[in-house]
Amino acid sequence: MRCHLGGGTTNFIFTVSVDGGGNAASTIDFDYTTVDGTATTADGDYVLNAGSGQITVGTPSTTITVVVNGDTTVEPTEGFTVVLSNPVNATLTDGTGAGTITNDDVAPDP
């Protein structure tokens, strides 16, 4: 997921889905957390999000929302990761999702 930000916030939506595009035959539970990359919670780039998720019987997916904070600082593109763990009634085939925050701020004229 990529986003260009100035000020304000935006929600990055990560979709967790059943492999192959089908629906869950039984309830699937999992844990998730965000992990700093070049974007960090300490710098206020995004808001830490950790918890438990669930794909209910008969549905193909669920979502995880991560709040990303905009700023007006000129800086390079930054990233963070959402990591899934501890699946119940499923096996993780790809347990990570990348969030990329693309700079859209312009340096002032000298």
N, C-alpha and C. Protein backbone atom coordinates (compact mmCIF):
# COMPACT_ATOMS: atom_id res chain seq x y z
N MET A 1 0.84 -1.16 0.00
CA MET A 1 0.00 0.00 0.00
C MET A 1 0.89 1.23 0.00
N ARG A 2 0.57 2.21 -0.83
CA ARG A 2 1.32 3.46 -0.93
C ARG A 2 0.41 4.64 -0.68
N CYS A 3 0.98 5.71 -0.17
CA CYS A 3 0.20 6.91 0.05
C CYS A 3 1.11 8.13 -0.01
N HIS A 4 0.61 9.21 -0.57
CA HIS A 4 1.28 10.50 -0.56
C HIS A 4 0.57 11.34 0.49
N LEU A 5 1.32 11.90 1.41
CA LEU A 5 0.68 12.66 2.49
C LEU A 5 1.25 14.05 2.63
N GLY A 6 0.40 14.99 2.95
CA GLY A 6 0.82 16.29 3.43
C GLY A 6 0.55 16.27 4.92
N GLY A 7 -0.27 17.17 5.43
CA GLY A 7 -0.67 17.12 6.82
C GLY A 7 -1.86 16.18 6.99
N GLY A 8 -2.35 16.05 8.22
CA GLY A 8 -3.51 15.21 8.48
C GLY A 8 -3.15 13.74 8.62
N THR A 9 -4.17 12.90 8.58
CA THR A 9 -3.95 11.45 8.68
C THR A 9 -4.68 10.76 7.54
N THR A 10 -4.27 9.55 7.29
CA THR A 10 -4.98 8.70 6.33
C THR A 10 -4.93 7.27 6.85
N ASN A 11 -5.93 6.49 6.51
CA ASN A 11 -5.97 5.10 6.92
C ASN A 11 -5.40 4.21 5.82
N PHE A 12 -4.44 3.38 6.18
CA PHE A 12 -3.96 2.33 5.29
C PHE A 12 -4.79 1.09 5.63
N ILE A 13 -5.43 0.50 4.65
CA ILE A 13 -6.27 -0.67 4.86
C ILE A 13 -5.55 -1.89 4.28
N PHE A 14 -5.25 -2.86 5.13
CA PHE A 14 -4.61 -4.11 4.72
C PHE A 14 -5.67 -5.21 4.73
N THR A 15 -5.79 -5.94 3.65
CA THR A 15 -6.77 -7.02 3.54
C THR A 15 -6.10 -8.35 3.82
N VAL A 16 -6.69 -9.11 4.73
CA VAL A 16 -6.25 -10.48 5.03
C VAL A 16 -7.30 -11.39 4.42
N SER A 17 -6.90 -12.26 3.51
CA SER A 17 -7.89 -13.06 2.79
C SER A 17 -7.54 -14.54 2.77
N VAL A 18 -8.56 -15.34 2.54
CA VAL A 18 -8.40 -16.79 2.39
C VAL A 18 -7.67 -17.03 1.08
N ASP A 19 -6.65 -17.87 1.11
CA ASP A 19 -5.86 -18.17 -0.09
C ASP A 19 -6.74 -18.81 -1.15
N GLY A 20 -6.56 -18.41 -2.39
CA GLY A 20 -7.31 -18.98 -3.50
C GLY A 20 -8.63 -18.29 -3.77
N GLY A 21 -8.97 -17.28 -2.99
CA GLY A 21 -10.18 -16.51 -3.26
C GLY A 21 -11.47 -17.12 -2.75
N GLY A 22 -11.40 -18.20 -1.99
CA GLY A 22 -12.62 -18.81 -1.47
C GLY A 22 -13.05 -18.19 -0.15
N ASN A 23 -14.09 -18.78 0.42
CA ASN A 23 -14.58 -18.35 1.73
C ASN A 23 -14.04 -19.27 2.81
N ALA A 24 -13.96 -18.76 4.03
CA ALA A 24 -13.48 -19.55 5.16
C ALA A 24 -14.47 -20.67 5.47
N ALA A 25 -13.97 -21.90 5.55
CA ALA A 25 -14.81 -23.05 5.90
C ALA A 25 -15.04 -23.12 7.40
N SER A 26 -14.12 -22.56 8.17
CA SER A 26 -14.27 -22.44 9.62
C SER A 26 -13.68 -21.10 10.02
N THR A 27 -14.00 -20.65 11.21
CA THR A 27 -13.50 -19.35 11.67
C THR A 27 -11.99 -19.39 11.76
N ILE A 28 -11.34 -18.39 11.19
CA ILE A 28 -9.88 -18.26 11.22
C ILE A 28 -9.52 -17.10 12.12
N ASP A 29 -8.73 -17.39 13.14
CA ASP A 29 -8.25 -16.35 14.06
C ASP A 29 -6.76 -16.14 13.84
N PHE A 30 -6.29 -14.93 14.09
CA PHE A 30 -4.87 -14.63 13.96
C PHE A 30 -4.55 -13.38 14.78
N ASP A 31 -3.27 -13.22 15.07
CA ASP A 31 -2.78 -12.00 15.71
C ASP A 31 -2.06 -11.17 14.67
N TYR A 32 -1.94 -9.88 14.92
CA TYR A 32 -1.20 -9.01 14.01
C TYR A 32 -0.54 -7.88 14.80
N THR A 33 0.51 -7.33 14.22
CA THR A 33 1.16 -6.15 14.78
C THR A 33 1.86 -5.39 13.67
N THR A 34 2.02 -4.10 13.88
CA THR A 34 2.82 -3.31 12.96
C THR A 34 4.27 -3.35 13.43
N VAL A 35 5.19 -3.31 12.47
CA VAL A 35 6.63 -3.34 12.77
C VAL A 35 7.28 -2.17 12.05
N ASP A 36 8.06 -1.40 12.80
CA ASP A 36 8.77 -0.27 12.21
C ASP A 36 9.73 -0.71 11.13
N GLY A 37 9.82 0.10 10.11
CA GLY A 37 10.88 0.01 9.11
C GLY A 37 11.56 1.36 9.14
N THR A 38 11.64 2.02 8.00
CA THR A 38 12.14 3.39 7.99
C THR A 38 11.09 4.36 8.52
N ALA A 39 9.83 3.99 8.44
CA ALA A 39 8.75 4.72 9.12
C ALA A 39 8.66 4.16 10.54
N THR A 40 8.60 5.04 11.53
CA THR A 40 8.58 4.58 12.92
C THR A 40 7.46 5.25 13.71
N THR A 41 7.00 4.55 14.74
CA THR A 41 6.02 5.14 15.63
C THR A 41 6.67 6.22 16.49
N ALA A 42 7.96 6.05 16.83
CA ALA A 42 8.67 7.04 17.64
C ALA A 42 8.73 8.39 16.94
N ASP A 43 8.85 8.39 15.62
CA ASP A 43 8.88 9.64 14.85
C ASP A 43 7.47 10.14 14.51
N GLY A 44 6.45 9.37 14.91
CA GLY A 44 5.08 9.78 14.65
C GLY A 44 4.62 9.55 13.22
N ASP A 45 5.33 8.67 12.49
CA ASP A 45 4.97 8.41 11.10
C ASP A 45 3.63 7.68 10.99
N TYR A 46 3.38 6.77 11.92
CA TYR A 46 2.12 6.02 11.92
C TYR A 46 1.81 5.61 13.35
N VAL A 47 0.60 5.11 13.58
CA VAL A 47 0.15 4.71 14.91
C VAL A 47 0.27 3.19 15.04
N LEU A 48 0.98 2.74 16.08
CA LEU A 48 1.12 1.31 16.35
C LEU A 48 -0.25 0.66 16.37
N ASN A 49 -0.37 -0.48 15.74
CA ASN A 49 -1.62 -1.23 15.77
C ASN A 49 -1.28 -2.69 15.97
N ALA A 50 -1.79 -3.28 17.03
CA ALA A 50 -1.58 -4.69 17.32
C ALA A 50 -2.86 -5.25 17.92
N GLY A 51 -3.16 -6.50 17.59
CA GLY A 51 -4.36 -7.09 18.14
C GLY A 51 -4.65 -8.44 17.53
N SER A 52 -5.91 -8.82 17.58
CA SER A 52 -6.37 -10.09 17.02
C SER A 52 -7.37 -9.81 15.92
N GLY A 53 -7.31 -10.64 14.88
CA GLY A 53 -8.25 -10.53 13.78
C GLY A 53 -8.97 -11.84 13.56
N GLN A 54 -10.02 -11.79 12.75
CA GLN A 54 -10.81 -12.99 12.50
C GLN A 54 -11.47 -12.91 11.13
N ILE A 55 -11.40 -14.03 10.43
CA ILE A 55 -12.18 -14.21 9.20
C ILE A 55 -13.27 -15.20 9.57
N THR A 56 -14.52 -14.77 9.51
CA THR A 56 -15.62 -15.62 9.96
C THR A 56 -16.03 -16.62 8.87
N VAL A 57 -16.70 -17.67 9.31
CA VAL A 57 -17.16 -18.72 8.40
C VAL A 57 -17.97 -18.10 7.27
N GLY A 58 -17.67 -18.52 6.04
CA GLY A 58 -18.43 -18.07 4.88
C GLY A 58 -18.01 -16.74 4.30
N THR A 59 -16.98 -16.11 4.87
CA THR A 59 -16.49 -14.85 4.32
C THR A 59 -15.07 -15.03 3.77
N PRO A 60 -14.69 -14.22 2.79
CA PRO A 60 -13.39 -14.40 2.17
C PRO A 60 -12.25 -13.61 2.81
N SER A 61 -12.57 -12.60 3.64
CA SER A 61 -11.49 -11.73 4.11
C SER A 61 -11.93 -10.86 5.28
N THR A 62 -10.94 -10.17 5.84
CA THR A 62 -11.16 -9.13 6.83
C THR A 62 -10.10 -8.07 6.60
N THR A 63 -10.19 -6.96 7.30
CA THR A 63 -9.21 -5.90 7.10
C THR A 63 -8.56 -5.47 8.41
N ILE A 64 -7.37 -4.90 8.28
CA ILE A 64 -6.64 -4.29 9.39
C ILE A 64 -6.37 -2.85 8.96
N THR A 65 -6.67 -1.91 9.85
CA THR A 65 -6.47 -0.49 9.54
C THR A 65 -5.28 0.05 10.34
N VAL A 66 -4.40 0.75 9.65
CA VAL A 66 -3.27 1.42 10.30
C VAL A 66 -3.38 2.91 9.97
N VAL A 67 -3.37 3.75 11.00
CA VAL A 67 -3.45 5.19 10.81
C VAL A 67 -2.05 5.73 10.53
N VAL A 68 -1.91 6.43 9.40
CA VAL A 68 -0.64 7.03 9.00
C VAL A 68 -0.77 8.54 9.16
N ASN A 69 0.23 9.14 9.81
CA ASN A 69 0.23 10.58 10.08
C ASN A 69 0.98 11.33 8.99
N GLY A 70 0.35 12.35 8.45
CA GLY A 70 1.01 13.20 7.48
C GLY A 70 1.86 14.25 8.18
N ASP A 71 2.79 14.82 7.45
CA ASP A 71 3.58 15.93 7.97
C ASP A 71 3.97 16.82 6.80
N THR A 72 4.70 17.85 7.09
CA THR A 72 5.15 18.75 6.02
C THR A 72 6.67 18.77 5.94
N THR A 73 7.31 17.72 6.45
CA THR A 73 8.76 17.59 6.43
C THR A 73 9.19 16.90 5.15
N VAL A 74 10.18 17.47 4.47
CA VAL A 74 10.72 16.82 3.27
C VAL A 74 11.61 15.68 3.75
N GLU A 75 11.28 14.47 3.34
CA GLU A 75 12.02 13.28 3.77
C GLU A 75 11.85 12.19 2.72
N PRO A 76 12.70 11.18 2.77
CA PRO A 76 12.58 10.10 1.78
C PRO A 76 11.33 9.25 2.01
N THR A 77 11.01 8.44 1.02
CA THR A 77 9.93 7.47 1.15
C THR A 77 10.25 6.57 2.35
N GLU A 78 9.21 6.26 3.14
CA GLU A 78 9.40 5.45 4.35
C GLU A 78 8.43 4.28 4.33
N GLY A 79 8.76 3.24 5.10
CA GLY A 79 7.89 2.07 5.12
C GLY A 79 7.78 1.41 6.48
N PHE A 80 6.72 0.65 6.65
CA PHE A 80 6.49 -0.18 7.83
C PHE A 80 5.83 -1.46 7.34
N THR A 81 5.69 -2.43 8.24
CA THR A 81 5.13 -3.73 7.87
C THR A 81 4.04 -4.13 8.85
N VAL A 82 3.02 -4.80 8.36
CA VAL A 82 2.03 -5.48 9.20
C VAL A 82 2.38 -6.96 9.16
N VAL A 83 2.54 -7.56 10.33
CA VAL A 83 2.95 -8.96 10.43
C VAL A 83 1.84 -9.77 11.10
N LEU A 84 1.43 -10.86 10.46
CA LEU A 84 0.44 -11.78 11.02
C LEU A 84 1.16 -12.91 11.74
N SER A 85 0.51 -13.46 12.78
CA SER A 85 1.09 -14.59 13.52
C SER A 85 -0.01 -15.39 14.19
N ASN A 86 0.36 -16.54 14.72
CA ASN A 86 -0.51 -17.40 15.52
C ASN A 86 -1.85 -17.73 14.86
N PRO A 87 -1.84 -18.19 13.61
CA PRO A 87 -3.12 -18.52 12.97
C PRO A 87 -3.77 -19.74 13.60
N VAL A 88 -5.09 -19.72 13.69
CA VAL A 88 -5.88 -20.85 14.16
C VAL A 88 -6.82 -21.24 13.03
N ASN A 89 -6.82 -22.51 12.65
CA ASN A 89 -7.62 -23.06 11.54
C ASN A 89 -7.13 -22.59 10.18
N ALA A 90 -5.85 -22.22 10.09
CA ALA A 90 -5.27 -21.80 8.81
C ALA A 90 -3.76 -21.87 8.90
N THR A 91 -3.13 -21.81 7.75
CA THR A 91 -1.68 -21.70 7.65
C THR A 91 -1.38 -20.41 6.91
N LEU A 92 -0.42 -19.65 7.39
CA LEU A 92 -0.07 -18.40 6.72
C LEU A 92 0.76 -18.70 5.48
N THR A 93 0.32 -18.22 4.32
CA THR A 93 1.12 -18.36 3.10
C THR A 93 1.92 -17.08 2.84
N ASP A 94 1.43 -15.96 3.28
CA ASP A 94 2.15 -14.69 3.20
C ASP A 94 1.70 -13.87 4.39
N GLY A 95 2.50 -13.88 5.44
CA GLY A 95 2.10 -13.26 6.69
C GLY A 95 2.55 -11.83 6.88
N THR A 96 2.92 -11.14 5.79
CA THR A 96 3.34 -9.75 5.92
C THR A 96 2.69 -8.87 4.86
N GLY A 97 2.52 -7.63 5.19
CA GLY A 97 2.04 -6.62 4.24
C GLY A 97 2.85 -5.35 4.42
N ALA A 98 3.27 -4.75 3.33
CA ALA A 98 4.11 -3.55 3.38
C ALA A 98 3.28 -2.29 3.21
N GLY A 99 3.56 -1.31 4.03
CA GLY A 99 2.98 0.02 3.89
C GLY A 99 4.07 1.00 3.50
N THR A 100 3.87 1.72 2.42
CA THR A 100 4.87 2.68 1.93
C THR A 100 4.30 4.09 1.98
N ILE A 101 5.00 4.96 2.68
CA ILE A 101 4.60 6.36 2.79
C ILE A 101 5.51 7.15 1.86
N THR A 102 4.94 7.69 0.81
CA THR A 102 5.72 8.43 -0.19
C THR A 102 5.68 9.92 0.11
N ASN A 103 6.85 10.53 0.18
CA ASN A 103 6.94 11.96 0.46
C ASN A 103 6.30 12.78 -0.67
N ASP A 104 5.52 13.77 -0.29
CA ASP A 104 4.96 14.69 -1.29
C ASP A 104 5.23 16.15 -0.91
N ASP A 105 6.15 16.33 0.04
CA ASP A 105 6.47 17.68 0.50
C ASP A 105 7.59 18.26 -0.35
N VAL A 106 7.57 19.56 -0.53
CA VAL A 106 8.54 20.24 -1.38
C VAL A 106 9.44 21.11 -0.52
N ALA A 107 10.75 21.02 -0.77
CA ALA A 107 11.70 21.86 -0.04
C ALA A 107 11.48 23.32 -0.44
N PRO A 108 11.57 24.23 0.53
CA PRO A 108 11.40 25.65 0.20
C PRO A 108 12.55 26.15 -0.68
N ASP A 109 12.26 27.15 -1.47
CA ASP A 109 13.31 27.76 -2.29
C ASP A 109 14.36 28.39 -1.39
N PRO A 110 15.63 28.30 -1.80
CA PRO A 110 16.70 28.89 -0.95
C PRO A 110 16.65 30.40 -0.93
